[in-house]
């Protein structure tokens, strides 16, 4: 117990004694009533990869893919309109860990790691007395040479107390079987379905830790991400049969891509994640930690199944940027639905707030607890998105509009930004939620584009970018 907490505890004990209150529970309540947390909660970050929001029942999925997540949404808080701010793996992870935009971290595309001296959620939580651990896919260590190897200690983002990971997990494993590396860079093999095995390691951690401190455990799965070398989404055996009767999402109806053959396995991956979330919650209950553990579930980006470009994400469309997000635990209970727009930029401030840590002023997002409690004032009315690799793009997503500007890959020259963009996309999401009718060249929408361009430029400036020139669509 640190000096400030001990002083508060002794003062509360004296007050409790004078009032004839003798129990430690009552003392804890007295501290909580004063606005100080009686006990820092444990925090589990349950992280999927490339998962669409509409794979969950609580977002409208009709097949029984996610009964545990649906139950968690009924008990906790569902963020109905949640988005990534960079629809590709490495940059999205950099945003989550730092609370700043990908161009600010320097990790604006895959293959660029965050700097060793970067302060992350783990850094701040460790300073606040937390044990910090990481299991699974990291994807933030240096360059391509580390894809299939161990992550050096100084590239682990401050996760210093427990480590079992691969920089790019799809390079050291498949849907079944593979390996990761422990804190001493020793290879740790696993056999079985990958989601189950990663969860086994997480449960072992929960069962064997010494409990002297609260913990923050980041569990990073690769599912339902495409298995690169097999060119296939790898659900558990039986997925193709079990989930063949899916309803085609509206954005995929009548399109090409590979969703017809791949979607059942994709849903099988999502179902496995849900099953393993249930396993983890059951274990927390067995260990008596359920009431003082927050679980936050989200993904790095969505998946459009090669219908918007030649691969699966890296576009401004809803199927690339809209993600599931829900939480359960202290501060996140009651079956609430938050309708305001939130994004991965809000994750770091939210996690720090769970621990009673004030977010540093340089973080770009805000604690989502303010939305849950109704205390939020002037919450942003748009989400700002940076896009890389397929080209260089910038977009905003409001409740009604999607507006994007673009520089082709050849012209971008591999740089994180550009001085001049062309308008590329405009969608009226009220009338066209599946984004089939691009209004970017419609003269009737010239006024809308002008207003949105002003907002986009402001958001770029706030993210530390140079204000660009925006030209009409080519």
Protein backbone atom coordinates (compact mmCIF):
# COMPACT_ATOMS: atom_id res chain seq x y z
CA UNK A 1 0.00 0.00 0.00
CA UNK A 2 1.55 3.35 -1.04
CA UNK A 3 1.80 6.27 1.40
CA UNK A 4 -1.19 8.22 0.05
CA UNK A 5 -3.44 5.17 0.01
CA UNK A 6 -2.26 4.14 3.49
CA UNK A 7 -2.87 7.63 4.86
CA UNK A 8 -6.39 7.64 3.43
CA UNK A 9 -6.98 4.14 4.79
CA UNK A 10 -5.83 5.07 8.31
CA UNK A 11 -7.93 8.23 8.27
CA UNK A 12 -10.95 6.26 7.11
CA UNK A 13 -10.27 3.63 9.79
CA UNK A 14 -10.25 6.31 12.48
CA UNK A 15 -13.52 7.73 11.21
CA UNK A 16 -15.01 4.26 11.03
CA UNK A 17 -13.87 3.45 14.58
CA UNK A 18 -15.41 6.66 15.90
CA UNK A 19 -18.63 5.74 14.15
CA UNK A 20 -18.52 2.22 15.55
CA UNK A 21 -17.70 0.63 12.20
CA UNK A 22 -15.24 -2.17 12.59
CA UNK A 23 -14.99 -4.05 9.30
CA UNK A 24 -12.46 -3.53 6.56
CA UNK A 25 -15.32 -3.76 4.06
CA UNK A 26 -16.97 -0.76 5.64
CA UNK A 27 -13.70 1.14 5.61
CA UNK A 28 -13.39 0.34 1.91
CA UNK A 29 -16.90 1.62 1.34
CA UNK A 30 -16.05 4.80 3.20
CA UNK A 31 -13.09 5.37 0.88
CA UNK A 32 -15.26 4.67 -2.14
CA UNK A 33 -17.88 7.13 -0.92
CA UNK A 34 -15.15 9.78 -0.72
CA UNK A 35 -14.50 9.26 -4.42
CA UNK A 36 -11.34 7.17 -3.97
CA UNK A 37 -11.38 3.59 -5.28
CA UNK A 38 -11.44 1.13 -2.37
CA UNK A 39 -9.57 -1.38 -4.51
CA UNK A 40 -8.01 -1.16 -7.95
CA UNK A 41 -9.78 -3.62 -10.25
CA UNK A 42 -8.03 -6.25 -12.29
CA UNK A 43 -8.26 -5.56 -16.04
CA UNK A 44 -8.38 -8.07 -18.88
CA UNK A 45 -8.16 -6.78 -22.45
CA UNK A 46 -9.68 -9.47 -24.69
CA UNK A 47 -8.56 -8.55 -28.20
CA UNK A 48 -9.60 -10.12 -31.50
CA UNK A 49 -8.15 -9.41 -34.95
CA UNK A 50 -10.09 -8.34 -38.05
CA UNK A 51 -13.52 -8.95 -36.50
CA UNK A 52 -16.61 -7.28 -37.94
CA UNK A 53 -19.06 -5.78 -35.46
CA UNK A 54 -21.99 -7.67 -36.98
CA UNK A 55 -20.60 -11.10 -36.04
CA UNK A 56 -22.06 -10.58 -32.52
CA UNK A 57 -25.68 -11.26 -31.65
CA UNK A 58 -25.87 -8.04 -29.67
CA UNK A 59 -25.14 -6.19 -32.94
CA UNK A 60 -27.70 -8.15 -34.95
CA UNK A 61 -26.08 -11.48 -35.90
CA UNK A 62 -28.88 -14.06 -36.16
CA UNK A 63 -26.86 -17.26 -35.80
CA UNK A 64 -25.85 -18.26 -32.23
CA UNK A 65 -22.24 -17.19 -32.74
CA UNK A 66 -21.63 -15.20 -29.54
CA UNK A 67 -23.84 -16.26 -26.61
CA UNK A 68 -21.20 -15.31 -24.03
CA UNK A 69 -20.56 -11.88 -25.49
CA UNK A 70 -24.30 -11.30 -25.80
CA UNK A 71 -24.67 -12.18 -22.11
CA UNK A 72 -21.80 -9.84 -21.27
CA UNK A 73 -23.52 -7.05 -23.20
CA UNK A 74 -26.74 -7.59 -21.21
CA UNK A 75 -24.80 -7.43 -17.95
CA UNK A 76 -22.29 -4.74 -18.88
CA UNK A 77 -21.99 -1.95 -21.45
CA UNK A 78 -22.31 -2.22 -25.22
CA UNK A 79 -20.73 0.50 -27.35
CA UNK A 80 -23.05 0.46 -30.35
CA UNK A 81 -20.98 2.67 -32.65
CA UNK A 82 -17.31 1.74 -32.20
CA UNK A 83 -14.57 2.18 -34.80
CA UNK A 84 -10.90 1.69 -35.48
CA UNK A 85 -8.86 4.77 -36.36
CA UNK A 86 -6.44 2.80 -38.57
CA UNK A 87 -7.74 -0.30 -40.39
CA UNK A 88 -4.54 -2.37 -40.39
CA UNK A 89 -2.96 -4.48 -37.65
CA UNK A 90 0.25 -2.80 -36.47
CA UNK A 91 -0.91 0.83 -36.57
CA UNK A 92 -4.18 0.00 -34.82
CA UNK A 93 -2.23 -1.69 -32.04
CA UNK A 94 0.07 1.30 -31.70
CA UNK A 95 -2.98 3.53 -31.25
CA UNK A 96 -4.41 1.27 -28.56
CA UNK A 97 -1.19 1.06 -26.58
CA UNK A 98 -0.33 4.77 -26.71
CA UNK A 99 -3.58 6.71 -26.98
CA UNK A 100 -2.15 8.67 -29.92
CA UNK A 101 -2.68 8.41 -33.65
CA UNK A 102 -0.58 6.09 -35.79
CA UNK A 103 1.26 8.94 -37.52
CA UNK A 104 2.24 10.28 -34.08
CA UNK A 105 3.68 6.95 -32.96
CA UNK A 106 5.60 6.59 -36.24
CA UNK A 107 3.88 3.23 -36.76
CA UNK A 108 1.74 4.40 -39.67
CA UNK A 109 1.96 1.06 -41.52
CA UNK A 110 2.85 -2.56 -40.74
CA UNK A 111 6.52 -3.36 -40.31
CA UNK A 112 7.30 -0.32 -38.15
CA UNK A 113 7.52 -0.94 -34.41
CA UNK A 114 6.79 1.57 -31.69
CA UNK A 115 9.91 3.16 -30.24
CA UNK A 116 11.40 1.42 -27.16
CA UNK A 117 11.01 4.57 -25.05
CA UNK A 118 7.29 4.93 -25.87
CA UNK A 119 5.01 5.16 -22.85
CA UNK A 120 2.09 2.77 -23.13
CA UNK A 121 -0.90 1.73 -21.06
CA UNK A 122 1.35 -0.88 -19.47
CA UNK A 123 3.89 1.77 -18.46
CA UNK A 124 1.34 3.89 -16.65
CA UNK A 125 -0.42 0.95 -15.02
CA UNK A 126 2.88 -0.50 -13.84
CA UNK A 127 3.72 2.85 -12.25
CA UNK A 128 0.30 2.73 -10.55
CA UNK A 129 1.08 -0.60 -8.90
CA UNK A 130 -0.24 -3.06 -11.47
CA UNK A 131 1.32 -6.31 -12.59
CA UNK A 132 1.30 -6.08 -16.40
CA UNK A 133 1.24 -9.06 -18.73
CA UNK A 134 0.81 -9.83 -22.42
CA UNK A 135 -0.17 -13.02 -24.25
CA UNK A 136 -0.57 -13.58 -28.00
CA UNK A 137 0.05 -11.48 -31.09
CA UNK A 138 2.15 -8.31 -30.60
CA UNK A 139 2.92 -6.94 -34.10
CA UNK A 140 4.70 -3.86 -32.75
CA UNK A 141 8.33 -4.98 -32.71
CA UNK A 142 10.63 -3.36 -35.24
CA UNK A 143 10.60 -4.52 -38.84
CA UNK A 144 9.89 -7.55 -40.98
CA UNK A 145 12.90 -9.42 -39.56
CA UNK A 146 11.04 -10.00 -36.27
CA UNK A 147 7.86 -11.43 -37.81
CA UNK A 148 8.64 -15.02 -36.93
CA UNK A 149 10.97 -14.48 -34.02
CA UNK A 150 10.97 -13.53 -30.36
CA UNK A 151 10.38 -9.92 -29.34
CA UNK A 152 13.36 -8.24 -27.61
CA UNK A 153 12.59 -7.09 -24.06
CA UNK A 154 12.97 -3.41 -24.92
CA UNK A 155 10.37 -3.71 -27.69
CA UNK A 156 7.57 -5.14 -25.51
CA UNK A 157 5.84 -1.86 -24.74
CA UNK A 158 6.39 -2.01 -20.99
CA UNK A 159 4.76 -5.42 -20.44
CA UNK A 160 7.52 -6.48 -18.08
CA UNK A 161 5.90 -8.84 -15.56
CA UNK A 162 4.56 -11.59 -17.82
CA UNK A 163 5.23 -12.18 -21.49
CA UNK A 164 4.24 -14.99 -23.85
CA UNK A 165 3.89 -13.79 -27.43
CA UNK A 166 5.00 -13.73 -31.05
CA UNK A 167 5.49 -10.52 -32.92
CA UNK A 168 3.30 -11.82 -35.77
CA UNK A 169 1.48 -14.87 -34.50
CA UNK A 170 0.38 -16.01 -37.97
CA UNK A 171 4.08 -16.53 -38.77
CA UNK A 172 4.66 -18.88 -35.81
CA UNK A 173 1.36 -20.80 -35.85
CA UNK A 174 -1.67 -21.88 -37.80
CA UNK A 175 -5.29 -22.41 -36.87
CA UNK A 176 -4.06 -25.59 -35.20
CA UNK A 177 -0.65 -25.84 -33.50
CA UNK A 178 2.29 -23.46 -33.29
CA UNK A 179 4.51 -21.65 -30.81
CA UNK A 180 5.17 -18.36 -29.06
CA UNK A 181 8.09 -17.07 -26.99
CA UNK A 182 8.32 -16.46 -23.27
CA UNK A 183 10.02 -13.63 -21.37
CA UNK A 184 13.40 -15.34 -21.79
CA UNK A 185 12.85 -15.67 -25.56
CA UNK A 186 12.44 -19.43 -25.23
CA UNK A 187 10.08 -21.10 -27.65
CA UNK A 188 6.85 -22.38 -26.09
CA UNK A 189 4.99 -24.86 -28.29
CA UNK A 190 1.26 -25.44 -28.24
CA UNK A 191 -0.91 -28.12 -29.84
CA UNK A 192 -4.60 -27.69 -30.54
CA UNK A 193 -6.86 -24.98 -31.86
CA UNK A 194 -5.01 -21.68 -31.49
CA UNK A 195 -7.78 -19.76 -29.70
CA UNK A 196 -8.10 -22.54 -27.12
CA UNK A 197 -4.35 -22.66 -26.56
CA UNK A 198 -3.90 -18.91 -26.11
CA UNK A 199 -6.76 -19.02 -23.60
CA UNK A 200 -5.14 -21.96 -21.80
CA UNK A 201 -2.04 -19.83 -21.28
CA UNK A 202 -4.16 -16.92 -20.02
CA UNK A 203 -6.03 -19.14 -17.57
CA UNK A 204 -2.77 -20.62 -16.32
CA UNK A 205 -1.59 -17.08 -15.64
CA UNK A 206 -4.75 -16.29 -13.68
CA UNK A 207 -4.41 -19.46 -11.60
CA UNK A 208 -0.71 -19.20 -10.80
CA UNK A 209 -0.03 -15.48 -10.19
CA UNK A 210 0.66 -14.51 -6.57
CA UNK A 211 -2.11 -11.88 -6.28
CA UNK A 212 0.05 -9.35 -4.43
CA UNK A 213 -0.94 -6.71 -6.97
CA UNK A 214 -3.90 -6.02 -9.23
CA UNK A 215 -3.16 -7.16 -12.77
CA UNK A 216 -3.58 -5.88 -16.30
CA UNK A 217 -3.54 -8.76 -18.78
CA UNK A 218 -3.67 -8.09 -22.52
CA UNK A 219 -4.77 -11.24 -24.37
CA UNK A 220 -4.30 -10.75 -28.11
CA UNK A 221 -5.77 -13.36 -30.45
CA UNK A 222 -5.23 -13.52 -34.19
CA UNK A 223 -8.69 -14.91 -34.98
CA UNK A 224 -10.69 -14.34 -37.09
CA UNK A 225 -7.81 -12.96 -39.20
CA UNK A 226 -6.98 -14.67 -42.49
CA UNK A 227 -4.18 -17.26 -42.17
CA UNK A 228 -1.72 -15.74 -44.65
CA UNK A 229 0.28 -18.75 -45.82
CA UNK A 230 -2.81 -20.96 -46.16
CA UNK A 231 -4.88 -18.25 -47.87
CA UNK A 232 -7.85 -19.21 -45.73
CA UNK A 233 -9.80 -18.24 -42.61
CA UNK A 234 -9.21 -21.17 -40.25
CA UNK A 235 -12.17 -21.86 -38.02
CA UNK A 236 -12.33 -24.93 -35.80
CA UNK A 237 -12.99 -28.21 -37.57
CA UNK A 238 -16.68 -28.35 -38.49
CA UNK A 239 -17.13 -24.61 -39.00
CA UNK A 240 -18.12 -24.88 -42.66
CA UNK A 241 -21.02 -27.16 -41.77
CA UNK A 242 -21.99 -25.52 -38.49
CA UNK A 243 -22.26 -21.99 -39.88
CA UNK A 244 -23.20 -22.54 -43.53
CA UNK A 245 -26.70 -21.09 -43.06
CA UNK A 246 -25.54 -17.54 -42.40
CA UNK A 247 -27.46 -14.46 -43.48
CA UNK A 248 -25.34 -12.49 -45.93
CA UNK A 249 -24.41 -9.08 -44.47
CA UNK A 250 -25.91 -6.24 -46.48
CA UNK A 251 -22.58 -4.85 -47.61
CA UNK A 252 -21.64 -8.21 -49.14
CA UNK A 253 -24.90 -8.96 -50.96
CA UNK A 254 -24.29 -9.25 -54.69
CA UNK A 255 -20.54 -8.69 -54.45
CA UNK A 256 -17.49 -10.72 -55.42
CA UNK A 257 -14.63 -11.29 -53.04
CA UNK A 258 -14.20 -14.58 -51.18
CA UNK A 259 -16.90 -14.32 -48.52
CA UNK A 260 -19.09 -17.08 -50.02
CA UNK A 261 -16.50 -19.76 -49.33
CA UNK A 262 -14.83 -18.16 -46.30
CA UNK A 263 -17.60 -16.68 -44.15
CA UNK A 264 -18.56 -19.94 -42.34
CA UNK A 265 -14.98 -20.41 -41.16
CA UNK A 266 -14.79 -16.73 -40.25
CA UNK A 267 -17.88 -17.16 -38.07
CA UNK A 268 -16.35 -20.33 -36.62
CA UNK A 269 -13.35 -18.28 -35.49
CA UNK A 270 -15.67 -15.75 -33.87
CA UNK A 271 -17.63 -18.49 -32.14
CA UNK A 272 -14.41 -19.93 -30.74
CA UNK A 273 -13.41 -16.53 -29.37
CA UNK A 274 -16.78 -16.31 -27.68
CA UNK A 275 -16.48 -19.79 -26.18
CA UNK A 276 -13.08 -18.92 -24.78
CA UNK A 277 -14.33 -15.64 -23.36
CA UNK A 278 -16.85 -17.77 -21.50
CA UNK A 279 -14.05 -20.01 -20.24
CA UNK A 280 -12.15 -17.01 -18.94
CA UNK A 281 -15.18 -15.58 -17.17
CA UNK A 282 -15.87 -18.98 -15.58
CA UNK A 283 -12.29 -19.13 -14.32
CA UNK A 284 -12.54 -15.64 -12.83
CA UNK A 285 -15.65 -16.77 -10.97
CA UNK A 286 -13.92 -19.90 -9.66
CA UNK A 287 -11.00 -17.80 -8.45
CA UNK A 288 -13.27 -15.30 -6.71
CA UNK A 289 -12.10 -12.46 -8.97
CA UNK A 290 -15.23 -11.90 -11.05
CA UNK A 291 -16.56 -8.96 -9.02
CA UNK A 292 -13.32 -7.00 -9.18
CA UNK A 293 -12.21 -7.61 -12.76
CA UNK A 294 -13.06 -5.50 -15.79
CA UNK A 295 -13.13 -7.27 -19.16
CA UNK A 296 -12.86 -5.07 -22.24
CA UNK A 297 -13.53 -6.75 -25.61
CA UNK A 298 -12.77 -5.20 -28.98
CA UNK A 299 -10.92 -5.72 -32.28
CA UNK A 300 -8.33 -3.84 -34.33
CA UNK A 301 -10.43 -3.45 -37.50
CA UNK A 302 -13.09 -5.15 -39.58
CA UNK A 303 -13.11 -7.24 -42.76
CA UNK A 304 -14.68 -6.68 -46.19
CA UNK A 305 -13.57 -9.96 -47.81
CA UNK A 306 -11.86 -8.41 -50.82
CA UNK A 307 -14.95 -6.52 -51.92
CA UNK A 308 -13.60 -2.97 -51.48
CA UNK A 309 -10.01 -3.55 -52.62
CA UNK A 310 -7.69 -6.47 -53.32
CA UNK A 311 -7.49 -7.62 -49.68
CA UNK A 312 -9.51 -7.41 -46.46
CA UNK A 313 -9.29 -3.96 -44.88
CA UNK A 314 -7.35 -0.69 -45.51
CA UNK A 315 -10.40 1.23 -46.72
CA UNK A 316 -12.75 3.82 -45.26
CA UNK A 317 -15.84 1.62 -45.44
CA UNK A 318 -17.87 0.40 -42.47
CA UNK A 319 -16.85 -3.19 -43.11
CA UNK A 320 -13.22 -2.11 -42.61
CA UNK A 321 -13.53 0.33 -39.73
CA UNK A 322 -16.54 -0.63 -37.62
CA UNK A 323 -15.71 -2.99 -34.76
CA UNK A 324 -17.33 -4.64 -31.73
CA UNK A 325 -16.68 -3.07 -28.34
CA UNK A 326 -18.14 -3.99 -24.97
CA UNK A 327 -17.08 -4.05 -21.34
CA UNK A 328 -18.13 -5.67 -18.10
CA UNK A 329 -16.97 -5.15 -14.53
CA UNK A 330 -16.65 -2.32 -12.00
CA UNK A 331 -17.89 0.84 -13.71
CA UNK A 332 -19.35 -1.13 -16.62
CA UNK A 333 -22.51 -2.83 -15.43
CA UNK A 334 -26.24 -2.52 -15.88
CA UNK A 335 -26.89 -3.63 -19.46
CA UNK A 336 -26.35 -0.14 -20.88
CA UNK A 337 -25.98 0.76 -24.54
CA UNK A 338 -23.82 3.75 -25.46
CA UNK A 339 -24.81 5.21 -28.83
CA UNK A 340 -22.18 7.96 -29.12
CA UNK A 341 -19.29 7.41 -31.54
CA UNK A 342 -16.21 5.91 -29.87
CA UNK A 343 -12.98 4.53 -31.27
CA UNK A 344 -9.69 2.86 -30.47
CA UNK A 345 -8.23 6.29 -29.67
CA UNK A 346 -10.40 6.23 -26.52
CA UNK A 347 -9.08 2.88 -25.29
CA UNK A 348 -5.93 3.99 -23.45
CA UNK A 349 -7.67 6.78 -21.48
CA UNK A 350 -10.48 4.36 -20.63
CA UNK A 351 -8.14 1.64 -19.36
CA UNK A 352 -6.14 4.12 -17.30
CA UNK A 353 -9.36 5.48 -15.81
CA UNK A 354 -10.35 1.95 -14.77
CA UNK A 355 -7.24 1.94 -12.58
CA UNK A 356 -7.85 5.42 -11.22
CA UNK A 357 -5.02 6.86 -13.33
CA UNK A 358 -5.56 10.22 -15.03
CA UNK A 359 -4.67 10.06 -18.71
CA UNK A 360 -1.78 12.29 -19.80
CA UNK A 361 -2.77 15.41 -21.70
CA UNK A 362 -1.13 14.25 -24.94
CA UNK A 363 -3.52 11.33 -25.35
CA UNK A 364 -6.06 12.12 -28.04
CA UNK A 365 -9.06 10.21 -26.78
CA UNK A 366 -11.24 10.39 -23.69
CA UNK A 367 -12.37 7.92 -21.01
CA UNK A 368 -15.54 6.20 -22.16
CA UNK A 369 -16.68 5.98 -18.54
CA UNK A 370 -17.94 9.54 -19.00
CA UNK A 371 -20.41 8.24 -21.59
CA UNK A 372 -21.48 5.38 -19.34
CA UNK A 373 -22.19 7.71 -16.40
CA UNK A 374 -23.71 10.46 -18.54
CA UNK A 375 -21.09 12.99 -17.44
CA UNK A 376 -19.52 13.47 -20.87
CA UNK A 377 -19.59 17.01 -22.22
CA UNK A 378 -18.78 18.02 -25.79
CA UNK A 379 -18.06 14.43 -26.84
CA UNK A 380 -16.67 14.40 -30.43
CA UNK A 381 -19.35 14.05 -33.09
CA UNK A 382 -17.08 12.31 -35.55
CA UNK A 383 -14.38 9.64 -35.65
CA UNK A 384 -11.12 10.48 -37.43
CA UNK A 385 -9.52 7.66 -39.44
CA UNK A 386 -6.06 7.36 -41.01
CA UNK A 387 -5.55 4.79 -43.78
CA UNK A 388 -2.26 3.44 -45.17
CA UNK A 389 -0.67 0.80 -47.40
CA UNK A 390 -3.47 0.53 -49.99
CA UNK A 391 -2.90 4.26 -50.50
CA UNK A 392 -2.84 7.21 -48.12
CA UNK A 393 -6.27 8.21 -46.89
CA UNK A 394 -7.96 10.34 -44.28
CA UNK A 395 -11.61 10.03 -43.33
CA UNK A 396 -14.22 11.12 -40.86
CA UNK A 397 -17.28 9.18 -39.85
CA UNK A 398 -20.18 11.14 -38.36
CA UNK A 399 -23.54 9.68 -37.37
CA UNK A 400 -24.85 10.45 -40.86
CA UNK A 401 -21.87 10.85 -43.20
CA UNK A 402 -18.70 9.09 -44.29
CA UNK A 403 -16.19 11.37 -46.02
CA UNK A 404 -12.79 10.27 -47.29
CA UNK A 405 -9.89 11.85 -49.18
CA UNK A 406 -7.17 9.87 -50.88
CA UNK A 407 -3.75 9.73 -52.52
CA UNK A 408 -2.96 6.69 -54.66
CA UNK A 409 -0.22 4.39 -53.46
CA UNK A 410 2.07 5.30 -56.34
CA UNK A 411 1.81 9.03 -55.63
CA UNK A 412 2.03 8.67 -51.83
CA UNK A 413 5.59 7.40 -52.09
CA UNK A 414 5.44 5.40 -48.86
CA UNK A 415 5.12 8.53 -46.73
CA UNK A 416 2.79 8.72 -43.70
CA UNK A 417 0.86 11.70 -45.06
CA UNK A 418 0.45 14.04 -48.00
CA UNK A 419 0.17 17.74 -48.78
CA UNK A 420 -2.60 17.32 -51.35
CA UNK A 421 -5.52 14.88 -51.33
CA UNK A 422 -8.43 14.27 -53.68
CA UNK A 423 -11.91 13.59 -52.41
CA UNK A 424 -12.68 9.89 -52.94
CA UNK A 425 -15.78 8.83 -51.00
CA UNK A 426 -18.96 10.33 -49.60
CA UNK A 427 -21.77 8.18 -48.23
CA UNK A 428 -25.08 9.09 -46.65
CA UNK A 429 -25.20 6.42 -43.97
CA UNK A 430 -28.84 7.09 -43.08
CA UNK A 431 -30.00 6.32 -46.60
CA UNK A 432 -27.16 4.02 -47.65
CA UNK A 433 -25.81 2.07 -44.65
CA UNK A 434 -24.16 -0.50 -46.92
CA UNK A 435 -22.26 2.22 -48.78
CA UNK A 436 -23.28 1.35 -52.32
CA UNK A 437 -23.86 4.89 -53.63
CA UNK A 438 -20.74 7.06 -53.60
CA UNK A 439 -21.84 10.70 -53.67
CA UNK A 440 -18.35 12.18 -53.92
CA UNK A 441 -19.01 13.66 -57.39
CA UNK A 442 -22.69 14.52 -56.87
CA UNK A 443 -23.10 18.30 -57.34
CA UNK A 444 -26.07 18.27 -54.94
CA UNK A 445 -23.67 17.28 -52.15
CA UNK A 446 -21.05 19.96 -52.80
CA UNK A 447 -22.06 21.88 -49.66
CA UNK A 448 -21.89 18.76 -47.52
CA UNK A 449 -18.41 17.92 -48.80
CA UNK A 450 -17.23 21.46 -48.13
CA UNK A 451 -18.42 21.32 -44.50
CA UNK A 452 -16.95 17.86 -43.95
CA UNK A 453 -13.62 18.93 -45.45
CA UNK A 454 -13.40 21.69 -42.84
CA UNK A 455 -13.98 19.15 -40.06
CA UNK A 456 -11.48 16.71 -41.54
CA UNK A 457 -8.78 19.37 -41.76
CA UNK A 458 -9.41 20.34 -38.15
CA UNK A 459 -9.09 16.74 -37.02
CA UNK A 460 -5.87 16.29 -39.00
CA UNK A 461 -4.40 19.38 -37.36
CA UNK A 462 -5.43 18.14 -33.91
CA UNK A 463 -3.62 14.86 -34.67
CA UNK A 464 -0.40 16.76 -35.35
CA UNK A 465 -0.66 16.57 -39.13
CA UNK A 466 -0.10 19.33 -41.63
CA UNK A 467 -3.37 20.81 -42.93
CA UNK A 468 -3.58 19.63 -46.57
CA UNK A 469 -5.14 20.95 -49.72
CA UNK A 470 -8.22 18.93 -50.66
CA UNK A 471 -9.16 18.83 -54.34
CA UNK A 472 -12.33 17.47 -55.98
CA UNK A 473 -12.56 13.82 -56.91
CA UNK A 474 -10.60 12.73 -59.96
